[in-house]
Amino acid sequence: MTEQDFEVIDVTADIAKSSAELRSKYNMSMADSIIAATALALKATCLSDYPHFKAVKEIETDWI
């Protein structure tokens, strides 16, 4: 993957609210909850090698 394969997404008010809800529900770090909330808002697959994303049922995750 290269930098051209990614798009920078602003954290909207909806993403921030969802992030707070996910952080509380799953006891996640702020960074991870923002990643999960962004994936949820965009209906995108979260690419990760961190196993704690498995617990987040609201998002689809592919393991890298």
C-alpha atoms as a PDB file:
ATOM      1  CA  MET A   1       0.000   0.000   0.000  1.00  0.00           C
ATOM      2  CA  THR A   2       1.136   3.500  -0.747  1.00  0.00           C
ATOM      3  CA  GLU A   3       0.026   6.911   0.443  1.00  0.00           C
ATOM      4  CA  GLN A   4      -2.105   7.170  -2.696  1.00  0.00           C
ATOM      5  CA  ASP A   5      -4.168   4.201  -1.490  1.00  0.00           C
ATOM      6  CA  PHE A   6      -5.516   6.218   1.449  1.00  0.00           C
ATOM      7  CA  GLU A   7      -7.871   9.148   1.914  1.00  0.00           C
ATOM      8  CA  VAL A   8      -7.722  11.492   4.906  1.00  0.00           C
ATOM      9  CA  ILE A   9     -11.130  11.782   6.566  1.00  0.00           C
ATOM     10  CA  ASP A  10     -12.102  14.611   8.921  1.00  0.00           C
ATOM     11  CA  VAL A  11     -13.567  13.664  12.283  1.00  0.00           C
ATOM     12  CA  THR A  12     -17.130  14.928  12.059  1.00  0.00           C
ATOM     13  CA  ALA A  13     -19.466  15.482  14.993  1.00  0.00           C
ATOM     14  CA  ASP A  14     -21.212  12.179  14.155  1.00  0.00           C
ATOM     15  CA  ILE A  15     -17.906  10.290  14.105  1.00  0.00           C
ATOM     16  CA  ALA A  16     -16.884  11.904  17.414  1.00  0.00           C
ATOM     17  CA  LYS A  17     -20.186  10.894  19.048  1.00  0.00           C
ATOM     18  CA  SER A  18     -19.944   7.353  17.710  1.00  0.00           C
ATOM     19  CA  SER A  19     -16.318   7.212  18.842  1.00  0.00           C
ATOM     20  CA  ALA A  20     -17.296   8.135  22.403  1.00  0.00           C
ATOM     21  CA  GLU A  21     -20.024   5.481  22.411  1.00  0.00           C
ATOM     22  CA  LEU A  22     -17.670   2.786  21.080  1.00  0.00           C
ATOM     23  CA  ARG A  23     -14.921   3.822  23.501  1.00  0.00           C
ATOM     24  CA  SER A  24     -17.272   3.467  26.440  1.00  0.00           C
ATOM     25  CA  LYS A  25     -18.868   0.223  25.228  1.00  0.00           C
ATOM     26  CA  TYR A  26     -15.617  -1.572  24.357  1.00  0.00           C
ATOM     27  CA  ASN A  27     -13.113   0.161  26.685  1.00  0.00           C
ATOM     28  CA  MET A  28     -10.992   1.210  23.690  1.00  0.00           C
ATOM     29  CA  SER A  29      -8.322   3.859  23.379  1.00  0.00           C
ATOM     30  CA  MET A  30      -9.432   7.157  21.878  1.00  0.00           C
ATOM     31  CA  ALA A  31      -7.433   6.530  18.695  1.00  0.00           C
ATOM     32  CA  ASP A  32      -8.907   3.063  18.175  1.00  0.00           C
ATOM     33  CA  SER A  33     -12.440   4.266  18.848  1.00  0.00           C
ATOM     34  CA  ILE A  34     -12.005   7.024  16.234  1.00  0.00           C
ATOM     35  CA  ILE A  35     -10.753   4.442  13.734  1.00  0.00           C
ATOM     36  CA  ALA A  36     -13.721   2.172  14.449  1.00  0.00           C
ATOM     37  CA  ALA A  37     -16.232   5.037  14.344  1.00  0.00           C
ATOM     38  CA  THR A  38     -14.835   6.257  11.038  1.00  0.00           C
ATOM     39  CA  ALA A  39     -15.099   2.773   9.537  1.00  0.00           C
ATOM     40  CA  LEU A  40     -18.666   2.567  10.800  1.00  0.00           C
ATOM     41  CA  ALA A  41     -19.629   5.989   9.381  1.00  0.00           C
ATOM     42  CA  LEU A  42     -18.129   5.209   5.985  1.00  0.00           C
ATOM     43  CA  LYS A  43     -19.401   1.619   5.937  1.00  0.00           C
ATOM     44  CA  ALA A  44     -15.759   0.710   5.356  1.00  0.00           C
ATOM     45  CA  THR A  45     -13.753  -2.330   6.378  1.00  0.00           C
ATOM     46  CA  CYS A  46     -11.236  -1.690   9.141  1.00  0.00           C
ATOM     47  CA  LEU A  47      -7.787  -3.113   8.345  1.00  0.00           C
ATOM     48  CA  SER A  48      -5.889  -4.014  11.495  1.00  0.00           C
ATOM     49  CA  ASP A  49      -3.632  -6.488  13.197  1.00  0.00           C
ATOM     50  CA  TYR A  50      -4.977  -5.615  16.657  1.00  0.00           C
ATOM     51  CA  PRO A  51      -7.222  -8.382  18.019  1.00  0.00           C
ATOM     52  CA  HIS A  52      -9.332  -6.024  20.169  1.00  0.00           C
ATOM     53  CA  PHE A  53     -11.160  -4.860  17.022  1.00  0.00           C
ATOM     54  CA  LYS A  54     -12.716  -8.358  16.869  1.00  0.00           C
ATOM     55  CA  ALA A  55     -14.964  -7.361  19.756  1.00  0.00           C
ATOM     56  CA  VAL A  56     -16.478  -4.448  17.837  1.00  0.00           C
ATOM     57  CA  LYS A  57     -19.483  -6.096  16.210  1.00  0.00           C
ATOM     58  CA  GLU A  58     -20.605  -2.878  14.510  1.00  0.00           C
ATOM     59  CA  ILE A  59     -17.733  -2.943  11.998  1.00  0.00           C
ATOM     60  CA  GLU A  60     -16.230  -5.404   9.557  1.00  0.00           C
ATOM     61  CA  THR A  61     -12.526  -6.034  10.080  1.00  0.00           C
ATOM     62  CA  ASP A  62      -9.931  -7.639   7.839  1.00  0.00           C
ATOM     63  CA  TRP A  63      -6.762  -8.805   9.527  1.00  0.00           C
ATOM     64  CA  ILE A  64      -3.451  -7.746   8.025  1.00  0.00           C
END
